[in-house]
Structures are given as structure tokens and as C-alpha cells.
Amino acid sequence: MTESGVGATRRRVVGALASASALAATGMGTALAQPARPGPPSTITTPPRSFAPDAPPTTYFTDPDVLSVDPSFDAYAQPNSAIQRLWTGALWMEGPAWNAQGRYLLWSDIPNNRQLRWIEDNGRVSVFRAPSNNSNGNTFDFQGRQISCEHLTRRVVRYELDGSVTVLADTFEGKRLNSPNDAVAHPDGSVWFTDPPYGGQLYEGAPDAAGGPSNGGGRLNPRLGQAAGIGAARRELPTNVYRLDPSGRLDRVLTEEQVPDPNGLAFSPDYKRLYVASTGKGPGDTGSGGKSDIHVFDVGADNRLSNGTVFSDCVVDGVKCGPDGLRCDVDGNLWASSNAGRAVGYNGVTVWNPQGKLIGRIRLPEVCGNLCFGGPKRNRLFMAGSQSLYAVFVNTQGAGPG
């Protein structure tokens, strides 16, 4: 090869390398070489933050992941308060509830079949109750008694002040409940709760007996790993919302046609409105299931619900922020947990004013299943992420106990 030929070849190689470098710098080379779909983002803020106990500070006035969508939310974002990860190590967390007298937070780790407790004075987390019958939602009534919704036993129970347990509801019109999910107490002594089918699965309870909606083929054995007597029930009822009267009478207040797959629920501060989250299709559902939206109803003097409307479709920036747990503050704003799946920056909490306008968001690095207000002044928002417990102080108070 002549010297000129060698030079030409050398120039072509250098040129090719330069082009490859340019493509790599713009990301085009990687896209061409690896056409695979990119994974979800792994950070929330820029620069990336860490939620570890020894992480560097993130809050220089307000937390960068507490977002005011509307200026009205500025009044509720507490300056100099950072989102903290208090604990991690669960499989799937739900049902946080604050005990004002004991100054502790309890919640459910459903697949691990236990309830956990975080004590405020030293931040210690311990097992509060195990087994918990795969409990989901928890709350405290106006007498300070704990109420729990149990997936495995398909019932709602109350833990009395003397340590005994009272079964509040396990059947309706002679048929077993599905898997009570969330409960709220009313000042008149009643307990309102939702009954979707999510406990009828291996991970969070027990499937139906063979032939039931969540075990139609009978291939699953619902008795495996369970105590004697568990695994014989099958789904018999639609997904309803119930009111348990202090007399013990159980009334259906919402039907599946009104709110399919009802999940979280909350009263307005004056108890004249009831908010109900409708989630997605559950195990054994034959209909379309919920649309991951929030419904609201007027509560009459006779405890009948009327004027039901869709309060929010929970779509933010084109992203579906599926609601679950709901709580109101004393001004009537609705704080809703957000499950946006792989759209990481939209997981956490959405905040809506009483007219249904989005005013604020709290971003977490994992899906948020449920939330509650707590702390001695009830001005701390506790958020049950998928595996972790988070908290942030806010400039308002939660309405109602638990």
C-alpha cells in the first residue's frame, strides 16, 4: 500500500472514531447499539437525593419534593421540614394509624402477616401484633380503641381497652365479607368500611376455595401455610361500602355499581361528605373494576349517601396517580396516596382542595399505599410506602382520630 493510501486509511479510521465519539456524546450511539427500552428513572430530584439516615441535607427552606402545584398549597408546606424515611424492611405496607395516648404509629405489613409500631420518643420499630390475619386498614375510634380490617379472616375487628377482641362484622345478609380494606370511625359511634376483593390472593391473604372467583380453576390450595379452618371460604358478595351501626346492625351504604372496588375512604371535617377511592380490578372481578379515581358523596342526617360524583380522576400531567388511602385536614383538603407505578416522580401523595383542584404533591421514591396524620399536634403526615415508612411535618392538622 502506498504512503498516500495508508494516510487515507488512517484518516478514515480517525474519522469513524470521531463520529462514534460524537454519537456517544449525544446518546445516539447508545440508542443505535442498544435499542432496548430504558428503565424507569431511579432518582426524584436533581441532584439525586438520598433518604438514608446519614444522608446529606436536602432542605434549605422547603423540601424539594414537597411541591406547590397551586399557590394555595404554600400555606400547608412547612418550611425547614424535610421528608424523612423512618424505617424500611416491609413487603407491602398499608393502614397507618396514630395512637394519640400512646404516642405511637402502627401499620400493617400485609404479606408478612404482622402489624408494626413506631414509637415517637426513640424512633424504635417493633412487631406490634403477629399474626395479624393479614390486616390491612387500621384506625382508632373516638374511645381510643383500635379497629382493623382483616383480609385473611374476611372481617372487621376492634381491640378493646382491656385487650380482648370483638368481631364487629364478618357477614352481610348471611354471606361472608370479601376482605375488608379500610375503615373510618364516626362521632355517632358507627364504623364505615370498604369491602373489595384484594385479600383473595396468595400474597395478601388466601384465595377463594376451589371454584370461587379468585380460584375458578381450583389449582390453588388456599389451605397451605394457614391455620386450621382457613381456606374454605369463597367470595359471595359484590364490592360494597358498609356502615356498622352502634347497635350492631350492618347496612350497605354504597353498591358496586356506584363505586366498584372501593378502597380508601375518609370523612370531611364536618362529616357531611364521604370520599371513597375506587381502585383497579381485583382478583375474581368479572366486571371492569374501578378506574383509580376518587368519588365523593353527601352524607344525610339519616346516614344515607346521595349526590355522588367523581371528585377527581387522579390524572396529573397525563400520569394516572392511582389513589388508595385518603385523609382530610381541618380545612377540608383531601390528601390521597399515589400509586403511579413506574412513573417514579408521581408516586407519593396528591393534595386536593374541597372543590377537587390539585394544589400540592409530595414525591416519594416508591409507591405510597396509605397515609395518616399523627404526632402530638397531629401535624405530621405519615406515609406508608411499599416497603418503607416516611414522614413530613405540614402546616395543618388532620381531621378526626387515627
Protein backbone atom coordinates (compact mmCIF):
# COMPACT_ATOMS: atom_id res chain seq x y z
CA MET A 1 0.00 0.00 0.00
CA THR A 2 1.34 3.45 -0.91
CA GLU A 3 2.01 6.11 1.72
CA SER A 4 -0.93 8.10 0.42
CA GLY A 5 -3.14 5.01 0.71
CA VAL A 6 -2.03 4.44 4.31
CA GLY A 7 -2.78 8.09 5.11
CA ALA A 8 -6.21 7.86 3.58
CA THR A 9 -6.99 4.72 5.55
CA ARG A 10 -5.74 6.34 8.74
CA ARG A 11 -7.91 9.38 8.11
CA ARG A 12 -10.97 7.17 7.54
CA VAL A 13 -10.37 5.31 10.84
CA VAL A 14 -9.88 8.55 12.78
CA GLY A 15 -12.98 10.00 11.16
CA ALA A 16 -15.01 6.94 12.08
CA LEU A 17 -13.80 7.11 15.68
CA ALA A 18 -14.66 10.80 15.86
CA SER A 19 -18.14 10.11 14.53
CA ALA A 20 -18.63 7.32 17.07
CA SER A 21 -17.47 9.65 19.86
CA ALA A 22 -19.91 12.31 18.74
CA LEU A 23 -22.77 9.82 18.67
CA ALA A 24 -21.85 8.56 22.10
CA ALA A 25 -21.75 12.10 23.46
CA THR A 26 -25.26 12.78 22.22
CA GLY A 27 -26.54 9.36 23.31
CA MET A 28 -27.34 8.37 19.70
CA GLY A 29 -24.64 5.77 19.57
CA THR A 30 -26.01 4.00 22.63
CA ALA A 31 -29.52 4.16 21.21
CA LEU A 32 -28.36 2.59 17.98
CA ALA A 33 -26.26 -0.08 19.65
CA GLN A 34 -28.79 -0.87 22.42
CA PRO A 35 -32.33 -0.27 21.19
CA ALA A 36 -33.80 -1.71 24.41
CA ARG A 37 -36.36 0.40 26.21
CA PRO A 38 -34.74 2.41 29.03
CA GLY A 39 -35.70 1.62 32.60
CA PRO A 40 -37.55 3.97 34.93
CA PRO A 41 -35.67 6.86 36.50
CA SER A 42 -34.04 5.99 39.79
CA THR A 43 -33.97 9.48 41.30
CA ILE A 44 -36.60 12.01 42.22
CA THR A 45 -34.75 15.29 42.46
CA THR A 46 -31.83 16.88 40.67
CA PRO A 47 -29.25 16.44 42.05
CA PRO A 48 -30.30 13.00 43.29
CA ARG A 49 -31.17 12.81 46.99
CA SER A 50 -30.67 10.05 49.50
CA PHE A 51 -33.24 9.11 52.13
CA ALA A 52 -30.71 7.25 54.30
CA PRO A 53 -30.37 8.34 57.96
CA ASP A 54 -26.85 9.67 57.34
CA ALA A 55 -27.74 11.39 54.05
CA PRO A 56 -26.62 14.96 53.41
CA PRO A 57 -29.20 17.70 54.00
CA THR A 58 -31.77 18.33 51.29
CA THR A 59 -33.86 21.07 52.82
CA TYR A 60 -32.65 24.63 52.69
CA PHE A 61 -36.07 26.14 53.24
CA THR A 62 -38.71 23.76 51.94
CA ASP A 63 -38.22 20.17 50.87
CA PRO A 64 -37.64 19.95 47.08
CA ASP A 65 -40.07 17.04 46.88
CA VAL A 66 -42.95 18.93 48.52
CA LEU A 67 -44.41 20.69 45.51
CA SER A 68 -46.90 23.56 45.38
CA VAL A 69 -48.96 22.96 42.27
CA ASP A 70 -51.17 25.90 43.23
CA PRO A 71 -50.04 28.87 45.38
CA SER A 72 -52.70 27.98 47.94
CA PHE A 73 -50.62 24.96 48.96
CA ASP A 74 -47.79 27.21 50.15
CA ALA A 75 -49.73 27.72 53.37
CA TYR A 76 -49.59 23.97 54.09
CA ALA A 77 -45.94 23.24 53.27
CA GLN A 78 -43.96 23.57 56.47
CA PRO A 79 -40.66 25.47 55.98
CA ASN A 80 -37.50 23.71 57.14
CA SER A 81 -39.25 20.35 57.31
CA ALA A 82 -37.71 17.51 55.33
CA ILE A 83 -39.26 14.23 54.24
CA GLN A 84 -37.71 11.53 56.42
CA ARG A 85 -37.56 7.80 55.88
CA LEU A 86 -38.22 6.49 59.39
CA TRP A 87 -37.91 2.78 58.68
CA THR A 88 -37.66 0.23 55.87
CA GLY A 89 -37.97 -3.54 55.67
CA ALA A 90 -41.59 -4.47 54.95
CA LEU A 91 -43.06 -6.29 51.94
CA TRP A 92 -46.20 -4.18 51.38
CA MET A 93 -47.38 -1.60 53.91
CA GLU A 94 -50.87 -0.22 54.50
CA GLY A 95 -53.11 1.15 57.21
CA PRO A 96 -51.01 3.61 59.26
CA ALA A 97 -52.91 4.89 62.30
CA TRP A 98 -51.79 7.22 65.08
CA ASN A 99 -52.43 6.41 68.73
CA ALA A 100 -52.58 9.78 70.48
CA GLN A 101 -52.45 8.42 74.03
CA GLY A 102 -49.54 6.06 73.44
CA ARG A 103 -47.81 8.44 71.00
CA TYR A 104 -47.04 5.68 68.53
CA LEU A 105 -47.86 4.84 64.95
CA LEU A 106 -48.99 1.37 63.96
CA TRP A 107 -49.43 -0.05 60.49
CA SER A 108 -49.86 -3.31 58.61
CA ASP A 109 -47.20 -5.28 56.75
CA ILE A 110 -49.78 -7.38 54.95
CA PRO A 111 -47.76 -10.19 53.28
CA ASN A 112 -45.67 -10.67 56.44
CA ASN A 113 -48.91 -11.10 58.40
CA ARG A 114 -47.97 -8.60 61.10
CA GLN A 115 -48.59 -5.14 62.45
CA LEU A 116 -45.65 -2.88 63.26
CA ARG A 117 -45.29 0.02 65.71
CA TRP A 118 -43.06 3.11 65.55
CA ILE A 119 -42.61 4.83 68.91
CA GLU A 120 -42.13 8.57 68.75
CA ASP A 121 -39.76 9.12 71.68
CA ASN A 122 -36.92 6.96 70.35
CA GLY A 123 -37.95 6.01 66.81
CA ARG A 124 -37.88 2.30 67.64
CA VAL A 125 -39.86 -0.05 65.39
CA SER A 126 -41.08 -3.37 66.74
CA VAL A 127 -43.64 -6.02 65.91
CA PHE A 128 -46.92 -4.91 67.46
CA ARG A 129 -49.13 -7.87 66.57
CA ALA A 130 -48.35 -11.17 64.82
CA PRO A 131 -50.11 -12.87 63.29
CA SER A 132 -52.41 -10.05 62.24
CA ASN A 133 -54.65 -12.12 59.96
CA ASN A 134 -53.15 -10.17 57.05
CA SER A 135 -54.72 -6.98 58.36
CA ASN A 136 -54.90 -4.00 56.01
CA GLY A 137 -56.58 -0.79 57.18
CA ASN A 138 -56.37 0.36 60.80
CA THR A 139 -57.85 3.30 62.67
CA PHE A 140 -58.71 4.40 66.20
CA ASP A 141 -62.24 5.28 67.19
CA PHE A 142 -63.31 8.16 69.42
CA GLN A 143 -62.76 6.00 72.51
CA GLY A 144 -59.18 5.18 71.51
CA ARG A 145 -59.87 1.58 70.50
CA GLN A 146 -58.05 0.10 67.52
CA ILE A 147 -60.15 -1.08 64.59
CA SER A 148 -58.57 -3.39 62.00
CA CYS A 149 -59.70 -4.80 58.66
CA GLU A 150 -58.52 -8.39 58.27
CA HIS A 151 -58.04 -9.87 54.82
CA LEU A 152 -57.44 -13.46 55.89
CA THR A 153 -60.49 -13.84 58.13
CA ARG A 154 -62.66 -11.53 55.98
CA ARG A 155 -63.78 -9.45 58.94
CA VAL A 156 -63.54 -6.16 60.84
CA VAL A 157 -62.39 -6.38 64.46
CA ARG A 158 -61.99 -3.99 67.40
CA TYR A 159 -59.28 -4.34 70.03
CA GLU A 160 -60.85 -3.37 73.33
CA LEU A 161 -59.10 -1.36 76.03
CA ASP A 162 -58.85 -4.46 78.23
CA GLY A 163 -57.02 -6.40 75.49
CA SER A 164 -59.92 -8.52 74.29
CA VAL A 165 -61.01 -8.65 70.65
CA THR A 166 -64.53 -8.02 69.34
CA VAL A 167 -65.61 -9.12 65.86
CA LEU A 168 -67.59 -6.16 64.52
CA ALA A 169 -68.57 -7.61 61.14
CA ASP A 170 -67.83 -10.73 59.13
CA THR A 171 -71.04 -11.35 57.19
CA PHE A 172 -73.75 -9.40 55.39
CA GLU A 173 -77.18 -10.92 54.80
CA GLY A 174 -75.78 -14.32 55.73
CA LYS A 175 -72.82 -14.17 53.32
CA ARG A 176 -69.15 -13.83 54.16
CA LEU A 177 -67.49 -10.48 53.51
CA ASN A 178 -64.82 -10.35 50.79
CA SER A 179 -61.79 -8.80 52.50
CA PRO A 180 -62.47 -5.56 54.39
CA ASN A 181 -59.87 -2.99 53.41
CA ASP A 182 -60.22 0.38 55.14
CA ALA A 183 -62.33 1.74 57.98
CA VAL A 184 -63.18 5.15 59.46
CA ALA A 185 -64.91 6.00 62.72
CA HIS A 186 -67.84 8.42 63.02
CA PRO A 187 -68.63 10.54 66.11
CA ASP A 188 -72.01 8.79 66.42
CA GLY A 189 -70.19 5.55 67.24
CA SER A 190 -70.60 3.91 63.84
CA VAL A 191 -67.80 2.41 61.77
CA TRP A 192 -67.77 2.71 57.99
CA PHE A 193 -65.66 0.32 55.91
CA THR A 194 -64.95 -0.83 52.37
CA ASP A 195 -65.02 -4.45 51.19
CA PRO A 196 -63.10 -5.02 47.93
CA PRO A 197 -61.64 -8.44 46.99
CA TYR A 198 -57.89 -7.79 47.30
CA GLY A 199 -57.37 -10.20 50.19
CA GLY A 200 -58.49 -13.09 47.98
CA GLN A 201 -54.97 -13.74 46.73
CA LEU A 202 -51.91 -15.63 47.92
CA TYR A 203 -49.80 -12.56 48.69
CA GLU A 204 -52.22 -10.67 50.94
CA GLY A 205 -54.48 -13.35 52.41
CA ALA A 206 -55.93 -16.53 50.99
CA PRO A 207 -57.54 -17.30 47.62
CA ASP A 208 -61.10 -18.49 47.43
CA ALA A 209 -61.86 -22.15 47.90
CA ALA A 210 -61.84 -24.10 44.64
CA GLY A 211 -64.42 -22.72 42.24
CA GLY A 212 -64.54 -19.29 43.85
CA PRO A 213 -63.97 -16.16 41.72
CA SER A 214 -60.26 -15.85 42.58
CA ASN A 215 -59.65 -19.61 42.21
CA GLY A 216 -62.00 -20.62 39.45
CA GLY A 217 -59.83 -23.45 38.15
CA GLY A 218 -59.22 -24.81 41.63
CA ARG A 219 -55.48 -25.10 41.02
CA LEU A 220 -54.56 -23.05 44.08
CA ASN A 221 -54.67 -24.64 47.52
CA PRO A 222 -55.82 -21.87 49.90
CA ARG A 223 -55.10 -24.01 52.99
CA LEU A 224 -51.34 -24.12 52.51
CA GLY A 225 -49.49 -22.35 55.30
CA GLN A 226 -52.72 -21.43 57.08
CA ALA A 227 -54.28 -22.29 60.40
CA ALA A 228 -56.99 -24.94 60.52
CA GLY A 229 -60.28 -23.67 59.11
CA ILE A 230 -58.73 -21.09 56.78
CA GLY A 231 -59.20 -21.60 53.05
CA ALA A 232 -62.77 -22.86 52.95
CA ALA A 233 -64.43 -19.52 52.16
CA ARG A 234 -65.17 -18.16 48.74
CA ARG A 235 -66.28 -14.77 47.54
CA GLU A 236 -70.05 -14.34 47.75
CA LEU A 237 -70.71 -10.58 47.74
CA PRO A 238 -70.22 -7.65 45.40
CA THR A 239 -67.71 -4.98 46.40
CA ASN A 240 -69.70 -2.70 48.70
CA VAL A 241 -69.25 0.02 51.33
CA TYR A 242 -70.88 -0.61 54.71
CA ARG A 243 -71.90 1.27 57.85
CA LEU A 244 -71.85 -0.62 61.13
CA ASP A 245 -74.37 1.00 63.48
CA PRO A 246 -73.55 1.15 67.22
CA SER A 247 -76.50 -1.23 67.70
CA GLY A 248 -74.63 -3.86 65.65
CA ARG A 249 -76.77 -3.53 62.53
CA LEU A 250 -74.78 -3.62 59.29
CA ASP A 251 -76.11 -1.51 56.42
CA ARG A 252 -74.87 -1.32 52.85
CA VAL A 253 -74.41 2.37 52.03
CA LEU A 254 -72.78 2.06 48.57
CA THR A 255 -73.08 -0.64 45.96
CA GLU A 256 -70.55 -1.97 43.48
CA GLU A 257 -72.43 -0.18 40.71
CA GLN A 258 -71.88 3.18 42.43
CA VAL A 259 -68.20 2.64 43.34
CA PRO A 260 -66.57 -0.52 42.00
CA ASP A 261 -63.73 -1.94 44.09
CA PRO A 262 -63.93 0.68 46.88
CA ASN A 263 -60.68 1.07 48.81
CA GLY A 264 -59.64 4.03 50.98
CA LEU A 265 -62.25 6.32 52.49
CA ALA A 266 -62.39 9.49 54.60
CA PHE A 267 -64.93 11.89 56.03
CA SER A 268 -64.77 15.64 55.57
CA PRO A 269 -64.09 17.54 58.83
CA ASP A 270 -67.82 18.21 59.36
CA TYR A 271 -68.77 14.62 58.47
CA LYS A 272 -71.14 15.83 55.77
CA ARG A 273 -69.14 14.34 52.89
CA LEU A 274 -67.63 10.90 52.37
CA TYR A 275 -64.72 10.37 50.00
CA VAL A 276 -64.16 6.90 48.54
CA ALA A 277 -61.21 5.76 46.42
CA SER A 278 -62.07 3.30 43.67
CA THR A 279 -59.08 1.22 42.66
CA GLY A 280 -58.39 -1.20 39.85
CA LYS A 281 -59.78 -4.61 39.06
CA GLY A 282 -59.37 -7.09 41.90
CA PRO A 283 -58.93 -10.88 41.94
CA GLY A 284 -62.09 -12.58 40.77
CA ASP A 285 -63.71 -9.43 39.39
CA THR A 286 -65.86 -10.13 36.36
CA GLY A 287 -66.69 -6.50 35.61
CA SER A 288 -64.42 -3.69 34.54
CA GLY A 289 -63.38 -2.83 38.09
CA GLY A 290 -62.51 0.64 39.31
CA LYS A 291 -60.83 3.37 37.29
CA SER A 292 -58.42 4.52 40.03
CA ASP A 293 -60.41 7.64 40.80
CA ILE A 294 -61.94 9.29 43.87
CA HIS A 295 -65.70 9.64 44.44
CA VAL A 296 -67.50 11.93 46.87
CA PHE A 297 -71.00 11.70 48.38
CA ASP A 298 -73.15 13.87 50.62
CA VAL A 299 -73.93 12.26 53.98
CA GLY A 300 -77.53 12.86 55.08
CA ALA A 301 -78.88 13.13 58.60
CA ASP A 302 -80.23 9.60 58.12
CA ASN A 303 -76.73 8.38 57.13
CA ARG A 304 -77.83 7.83 53.56
CA LEU A 305 -75.42 8.87 50.81
CA SER A 306 -76.53 10.99 47.87
CA ASN A 307 -75.30 13.25 45.06
CA GLY A 308 -72.38 11.00 44.22
CA THR A 309 -69.86 12.45 41.77
CA VAL A 310 -66.33 11.75 40.62
CA PHE A 311 -64.24 14.05 42.78
CA SER A 312 -61.03 13.50 40.77
CA ASP A 313 -59.76 11.20 38.04
CA CYS A 314 -56.31 11.49 39.68
CA VAL A 315 -54.54 12.24 36.41
CA VAL A 316 -51.58 14.60 36.93
CA ASP A 317 -49.56 15.79 33.93
CA GLY A 318 -51.08 12.95 31.95
CA VAL A 319 -49.96 10.37 34.57
CA LYS A 320 -52.50 8.24 36.41
CA CYS A 321 -51.80 8.64 40.14
CA GLY A 322 -53.90 5.77 41.44
CA PRO A 323 -55.39 6.61 44.86
CA ASP A 324 -55.65 4.30 47.86
CA GLY A 325 -55.53 5.79 51.35
CA LEU A 326 -57.37 9.08 51.99
CA ARG A 327 -57.33 11.61 54.83
CA CYS A 328 -58.72 15.15 55.23
CA ASP A 329 -57.11 18.05 57.05
CA VAL A 330 -59.04 20.50 59.18
CA ASP A 331 -59.56 22.85 56.20
CA GLY A 332 -61.21 20.09 54.18
CA ASN A 333 -58.33 19.42 51.79
CA LEU A 334 -58.08 15.77 50.75
CA TRP A 335 -54.66 14.09 50.99
CA ALA A 336 -54.50 10.94 48.85
CA SER A 337 -51.77 8.36 48.48
CA SER A 338 -50.50 7.98 44.91
CA ASN A 339 -49.55 4.81 43.07
CA ALA A 340 -48.16 5.86 39.70
CA GLY A 341 -46.21 2.64 39.19
CA ARG A 342 -43.05 3.12 37.18
CA ALA A 343 -43.66 6.86 36.77
CA VAL A 344 -41.45 7.34 39.80
CA GLY A 345 -41.75 11.11 40.15
CA TYR A 346 -45.53 10.84 40.62
CA ASN A 347 -45.56 8.29 43.43
CA GLY A 348 -46.26 9.69 46.88
CA VAL A 349 -49.17 11.97 47.81
CA THR A 350 -51.55 14.24 45.93
CA VAL A 351 -53.42 17.03 47.74
CA TRP A 352 -56.80 18.33 46.52
CA ASN A 353 -58.83 21.25 47.80
CA PRO A 354 -62.55 20.69 48.64
CA GLN A 355 -63.51 21.68 45.09
CA GLY A 356 -61.37 18.89 43.61
CA LYS A 357 -58.47 21.05 42.41
CA LEU A 358 -54.95 19.68 42.72
CA ILE A 359 -52.96 22.08 44.89
CA GLY A 360 -49.91 20.08 46.01
CA ARG A 361 -47.84 16.93 45.66
CA ILE A 362 -45.31 15.03 47.76
CA ARG A 363 -42.88 12.85 45.84
CA LEU A 364 -41.55 9.62 47.32
CA PRO A 365 -39.03 7.18 45.84
CA GLU A 366 -41.58 4.35 45.98
CA VAL A 367 -45.31 3.79 45.68
CA CYS A 368 -47.35 5.14 48.58
CA GLY A 369 -50.20 2.87 49.65
CA ASN A 370 -51.68 4.77 52.56
CA LEU A 371 -51.26 7.74 54.89
CA CYS A 372 -52.47 9.39 58.07
CA PHE A 373 -51.89 12.47 60.21
CA GLY A 374 -50.25 11.99 63.59
CA GLY A 375 -47.79 13.28 66.12
CA PRO A 376 -48.81 15.00 69.38
CA LYS A 377 -50.13 18.01 67.42
CA ARG A 378 -51.48 15.86 64.57
CA ASN A 379 -49.40 17.95 62.16
CA ARG A 380 -47.12 15.20 60.90
CA LEU A 381 -48.04 13.28 57.76
CA PHE A 382 -47.06 9.62 57.92
CA MET A 383 -46.84 7.84 54.56
CA ALA A 384 -46.72 4.07 54.15
CA GLY A 385 -44.61 3.38 51.08
CA SER A 386 -44.32 -0.06 49.55
CA GLN A 387 -41.54 -1.17 51.90
CA SER A 388 -40.76 1.98 53.89
CA LEU A 389 -42.31 4.43 56.33
CA TYR A 390 -41.93 8.15 55.57
CA ALA A 391 -42.98 11.29 57.44
CA VAL A 392 -43.00 15.05 56.95
CA PHE A 393 -44.31 17.88 59.09
CA VAL A 394 -47.03 20.03 57.49
CA ASN A 395 -48.64 23.32 58.45
CA THR A 396 -52.09 21.92 59.20
CA GLN A 397 -53.72 19.22 61.30
CA GLY A 398 -55.53 16.08 60.36
CA ALA A 399 -59.28 15.93 60.90
CA GLY A 400 -60.57 13.14 63.09
CA PRO A 401 -58.78 10.42 65.06
CA GLY A 402 -56.47 7.78 63.63
